[in-house]
Amino acid sequence: MGFKVFKLDTSNILPWNPKADTLQEDLYAAVNNVLADRSTQDLLYEILLKCNLPLTLPMEERKFGENTIYVIGAGALAICLDTKIPQAIGDEIVKLRDEYAPIVPMQVVFRDNGFDDVSKTNVLQILKQAGFEEKSVRTI
């Protein structure tokens, strides 16, 4: 039993604001777009706010090998913020969705720079073939 305390802070994600004279640095910052001093918990709560979900929803942490998927609100949202996301994570998310399917349709959020190009494409196709709508899968 307890409570959570939150304080207002700046976003954990760097805004895209390119300038002609610093374009190379701006492009690099867009790839590594999460501030270095922010924790996974910081990102999780910001994603909840951006998805219009209450901060009081239950959070469950599921381990799949070296990867972690956070299941929020009894399956309303699945989040993977790892820096190395394999193709197999798509299959694990489909299993999670099937576990929670009777409750709500699941939204999914990934850390974009956690993928290589092939893995990202394959994970998105796995989710699409499993019936996830394109608008319910996002990357940050």
C-alpha atoms as a PDB file:
ATOM      1  CA  MET A   1       0.000   0.000   0.000  1.00  0.00           C
ATOM      2  CA  GLY A   2       1.322   3.436  -0.788  1.00  0.00           C
ATOM      3  CA  PHE A   3       1.155   6.321  -3.190  1.00  0.00           C
ATOM      4  CA  LYS A   4       3.138   7.824  -6.041  1.00  0.00           C
ATOM      5  CA  VAL A   5       4.361  11.395  -6.151  1.00  0.00           C
ATOM      6  CA  PHE A   6       4.877  13.124  -9.489  1.00  0.00           C
ATOM      7  CA  LYS A   7       6.409  16.446 -10.379  1.00  0.00           C
ATOM      8  CA  LEU A   8       6.136  18.345 -13.615  1.00  0.00           C
ATOM      9  CA  ASP A   9       9.292  18.241 -15.709  1.00  0.00           C
ATOM     10  CA  THR A  10      10.349  18.727 -19.292  1.00  0.00           C
ATOM     11  CA  SER A  11       9.777  15.993 -21.834  1.00  0.00           C
ATOM     12  CA  ASN A  12      12.084  12.971 -21.828  1.00  0.00           C
ATOM     13  CA  ILE A  13      12.132  13.081 -25.612  1.00  0.00           C
ATOM     14  CA  LEU A  14      14.123  15.703 -27.489  1.00  0.00           C
ATOM     15  CA  PRO A  15      11.943  17.791 -29.814  1.00  0.00           C
ATOM     16  CA  TRP A  16      12.683  17.809 -33.543  1.00  0.00           C
ATOM     17  CA  ASN A  17      13.790  21.349 -34.281  1.00  0.00           C
ATOM     18  CA  PRO A  18      16.437  21.246 -37.040  1.00  0.00           C
ATOM     19  CA  LYS A  19      18.532  24.234 -38.034  1.00  0.00           C
ATOM     20  CA  ALA A  20      20.537  24.514 -41.250  1.00  0.00           C
ATOM     21  CA  ASP A  21      23.841  25.223 -39.491  1.00  0.00           C
ATOM     22  CA  THR A  22      23.506  22.305 -37.009  1.00  0.00           C
ATOM     23  CA  LEU A  23      21.762  19.758 -39.207  1.00  0.00           C
ATOM     24  CA  GLN A  24      24.278  16.953 -38.605  1.00  0.00           C
ATOM     25  CA  GLU A  25      23.944  17.240 -34.808  1.00  0.00           C
ATOM     26  CA  ASP A  26      20.160  17.563 -35.124  1.00  0.00           C
ATOM     27  CA  LEU A  27      19.974  14.347 -37.162  1.00  0.00           C
ATOM     28  CA  TYR A  28      22.092  12.496 -34.589  1.00  0.00           C
ATOM     29  CA  ALA A  29      19.889  13.834 -31.772  1.00  0.00           C
ATOM     30  CA  ALA A  30      16.804  12.573 -33.629  1.00  0.00           C
ATOM     31  CA  VAL A  31      18.220   9.042 -33.577  1.00  0.00           C
ATOM     32  CA  ASN A  32      19.167   9.241 -29.889  1.00  0.00           C
ATOM     33  CA  ASN A  33      16.077  11.196 -28.947  1.00  0.00           C
ATOM     34  CA  VAL A  34      15.739  10.230 -25.274  1.00  0.00           C
ATOM     35  CA  LEU A  35      17.525  12.424 -22.759  1.00  0.00           C
ATOM     36  CA  ALA A  36      20.452  10.553 -21.203  1.00  0.00           C
ATOM     37  CA  ASP A  37      19.610  11.363 -17.572  1.00  0.00           C
ATOM     38  CA  ARG A  38      16.046   9.995 -17.712  1.00  0.00           C
ATOM     39  CA  SER A  39      14.973   6.635 -16.335  1.00  0.00           C
ATOM     40  CA  THR A  40      12.721   4.015 -17.840  1.00  0.00           C
ATOM     41  CA  GLN A  41      10.059   5.002 -15.304  1.00  0.00           C
ATOM     42  CA  ASP A  42      10.230   8.602 -16.562  1.00  0.00           C
ATOM     43  CA  LEU A  43       9.593   7.396 -20.110  1.00  0.00           C
ATOM     44  CA  LEU A  44       6.802   5.039 -19.039  1.00  0.00           C
ATOM     45  CA  TYR A  45       4.829   7.772 -17.326  1.00  0.00           C
ATOM     46  CA  GLU A  46       5.328  10.222 -20.188  1.00  0.00           C
ATOM     47  CA  ILE A  47       4.019   7.602 -22.621  1.00  0.00           C
ATOM     48  CA  LEU A  48       0.978   7.063 -20.390  1.00  0.00           C
ATOM     49  CA  LEU A  49       0.260  10.783 -20.507  1.00  0.00           C
ATOM     50  CA  LYS A  50       0.734  10.926 -24.298  1.00  0.00           C
ATOM     51  CA  CYS A  51      -1.666   7.972 -24.708  1.00  0.00           C
ATOM     52  CA  ASN A  52      -4.281   9.717 -22.519  1.00  0.00           C
ATOM     53  CA  LEU A  53      -4.140   6.991 -19.884  1.00  0.00           C
ATOM     54  CA  PRO A  54      -4.360   7.643 -16.141  1.00  0.00           C
ATOM     55  CA  LEU A  55      -1.111   7.466 -14.176  1.00  0.00           C
ATOM     56  CA  THR A  56      -2.837   5.245 -11.629  1.00  0.00           C
ATOM     57  CA  LEU A  57      -3.201   2.240 -13.959  1.00  0.00           C
ATOM     58  CA  PRO A  58      -1.538  -0.972 -12.773  1.00  0.00           C
ATOM     59  CA  MET A  59       1.866  -1.688 -14.336  1.00  0.00           C
ATOM     60  CA  GLU A  60       3.188  -5.191 -14.845  1.00  0.00           C
ATOM     61  CA  GLU A  61       6.735  -5.993 -15.936  1.00  0.00           C
ATOM     62  CA  ARG A  62       7.220  -9.081 -18.151  1.00  0.00           C
ATOM     63  CA  LYS A  63      10.680 -10.422 -19.021  1.00  0.00           C
ATOM     64  CA  PHE A  64      11.340 -12.187 -22.330  1.00  0.00           C
ATOM     65  CA  GLY A  65      15.001 -13.133 -22.456  1.00  0.00           C
ATOM     66  CA  GLU A  66      16.938  -9.904 -22.163  1.00  0.00           C
ATOM     67  CA  ASN A  67      13.917  -7.782 -23.063  1.00  0.00           C
ATOM     68  CA  THR A  68      11.258  -6.238 -20.858  1.00  0.00           C
ATOM     69  CA  ILE A  69       7.690  -5.480 -21.856  1.00  0.00           C
ATOM     70  CA  TYR A  70       5.618  -3.306 -19.547  1.00  0.00           C
ATOM     71  CA  VAL A  71       1.927  -4.192 -19.622  1.00  0.00           C
ATOM     72  CA  ILE A  72      -0.156  -1.238 -18.511  1.00  0.00           C
ATOM     73  CA  GLY A  73      -3.799  -1.256 -17.432  1.00  0.00           C
ATOM     74  CA  ALA A  74      -4.478  -4.999 -17.748  1.00  0.00           C
ATOM     75  CA  GLY A  75      -3.452  -5.072 -21.384  1.00  0.00           C
ATOM     76  CA  ALA A  76      -4.492  -1.618 -22.585  1.00  0.00           C
ATOM     77  CA  LEU A  77      -0.895  -0.792 -23.468  1.00  0.00           C
ATOM     78  CA  ALA A  78       2.349  -2.742 -23.979  1.00  0.00           C
ATOM     79  CA  ILE A  79       5.627  -0.829 -23.940  1.00  0.00           C
ATOM     80  CA  CYS A  80       9.122  -2.032 -24.851  1.00  0.00           C
ATOM     81  CA  LEU A  81      11.867   0.534 -24.266  1.00  0.00           C
ATOM     82  CA  ASP A  82      14.899  -1.711 -24.710  1.00  0.00           C
ATOM     83  CA  THR A  83      17.841  -0.566 -26.798  1.00  0.00           C
ATOM     84  CA  LYS A  84      18.083  -3.930 -28.629  1.00  0.00           C
ATOM     85  CA  ILE A  85      14.668  -5.223 -29.658  1.00  0.00           C
ATOM     86  CA  PRO A  86      14.690  -8.544 -31.537  1.00  0.00           C
ATOM     87  CA  GLN A  87      12.105  -9.733 -34.028  1.00  0.00           C
ATOM     88  CA  ALA A  88      10.853 -12.328 -31.503  1.00  0.00           C
ATOM     89  CA  ILE A  89       9.377  -9.555 -29.354  1.00  0.00           C
ATOM     90  CA  GLY A  90       6.557  -9.254 -31.895  1.00  0.00           C
ATOM     91  CA  ASP A  91       5.487 -12.841 -31.185  1.00  0.00           C
ATOM     92  CA  GLU A  92       5.645 -12.207 -27.425  1.00  0.00           C
ATOM     93  CA  ILE A  93       3.405  -9.156 -27.751  1.00  0.00           C
ATOM     94  CA  VAL A  94       0.890 -11.187 -29.776  1.00  0.00           C
ATOM     95  CA  LYS A  95       0.852 -13.767 -26.938  1.00  0.00           C
ATOM     96  CA  LEU A  96       0.316 -10.985 -24.395  1.00  0.00           C
ATOM     97  CA  ARG A  97      -2.521  -9.555 -26.476  1.00  0.00           C
ATOM     98  CA  ASP A  98      -4.136 -12.994 -26.648  1.00  0.00           C
ATOM     99  CA  GLU A  99      -3.809 -13.300 -22.866  1.00  0.00           C
ATOM    100  CA  TYR A 100      -5.541  -9.942 -22.314  1.00  0.00           C
ATOM    101  CA  ALA A 101      -7.749  -9.902 -25.469  1.00  0.00           C
ATOM    102  CA  PRO A 102     -11.133 -10.229 -23.747  1.00  0.00           C
ATOM    103  CA  ILE A 103     -10.516  -7.023 -21.806  1.00  0.00           C
ATOM    104  CA  VAL A 104      -9.420  -4.310 -24.245  1.00  0.00           C
ATOM    105  CA  PRO A 105      -7.668  -3.900 -27.603  1.00  0.00           C
ATOM    106  CA  MET A 106      -3.951  -3.436 -26.972  1.00  0.00           C
ATOM    107  CA  GLN A 107      -1.840  -0.466 -28.033  1.00  0.00           C
ATOM    108  CA  VAL A 108       1.925  -0.980 -28.400  1.00  0.00           C
ATOM    109  CA  VAL A 109       4.813   1.487 -28.030  1.00  0.00           C
ATOM    110  CA  PHE A 110       8.452   0.726 -28.879  1.00  0.00           C
ATOM    111  CA  ARG A 111      11.661   2.668 -28.535  1.00  0.00           C
ATOM    112  CA  ASP A 112      12.476   3.434 -32.170  1.00  0.00           C
ATOM    113  CA  ASN A 113      16.252   3.332 -31.870  1.00  0.00           C
ATOM    114  CA  GLY A 114      15.994  -0.104 -30.212  1.00  0.00           C
ATOM    115  CA  PHE A 115      15.469  -1.677 -33.641  1.00  0.00           C
ATOM    116  CA  ASP A 116      17.624  -2.286 -36.629  1.00  0.00           C
ATOM    117  CA  ASP A 117      15.695  -1.690 -39.876  1.00  0.00           C
ATOM    118  CA  VAL A 118      14.986  -5.361 -40.583  1.00  0.00           C
ATOM    119  CA  SER A 119      13.758  -6.153 -37.049  1.00  0.00           C
ATOM    120  CA  LYS A 120      11.446  -3.147 -36.982  1.00  0.00           C
ATOM    121  CA  THR A 121       9.864  -4.060 -40.308  1.00  0.00           C
ATOM    122  CA  ASN A 122       9.449  -7.693 -39.272  1.00  0.00           C
ATOM    123  CA  VAL A 123       7.950  -6.858 -35.860  1.00  0.00           C
ATOM    124  CA  LEU A 124       5.467  -4.463 -37.463  1.00  0.00           C
ATOM    125  CA  GLN A 125       4.473  -7.145 -39.988  1.00  0.00           C
ATOM    126  CA  ILE A 126       4.057  -9.781 -37.242  1.00  0.00           C
ATOM    127  CA  LEU A 127       1.741  -7.439 -35.357  1.00  0.00           C
ATOM    128  CA  LYS A 128      -0.176  -6.495 -38.512  1.00  0.00           C
ATOM    129  CA  GLN A 129      -0.703 -10.162 -39.430  1.00  0.00           C
ATOM    130  CA  ALA A 130      -1.931 -10.807 -35.883  1.00  0.00           C
ATOM    131  CA  GLY A 131      -4.644  -8.166 -36.322  1.00  0.00           C
ATOM    132  CA  PHE A 132      -3.089  -5.100 -34.701  1.00  0.00           C
ATOM    133  CA  GLU A 133      -4.236  -1.919 -36.392  1.00  0.00           C
ATOM    134  CA  GLU A 134      -1.465   0.267 -37.764  1.00  0.00           C
ATOM    135  CA  LYS A 135      -2.561   3.215 -35.602  1.00  0.00           C
ATOM    136  CA  SER A 136      -2.261   1.116 -32.421  1.00  0.00           C
ATOM    137  CA  VAL A 137       1.494   0.531 -32.861  1.00  0.00           C
ATOM    138  CA  ARG A 138       3.856   3.484 -32.316  1.00  0.00           C
ATOM    139  CA  THR A 139       7.516   4.187 -31.814  1.00  0.00           C
ATOM    140  CA  ILE A 140       9.145   6.979 -29.823  1.00  0.00           C
END
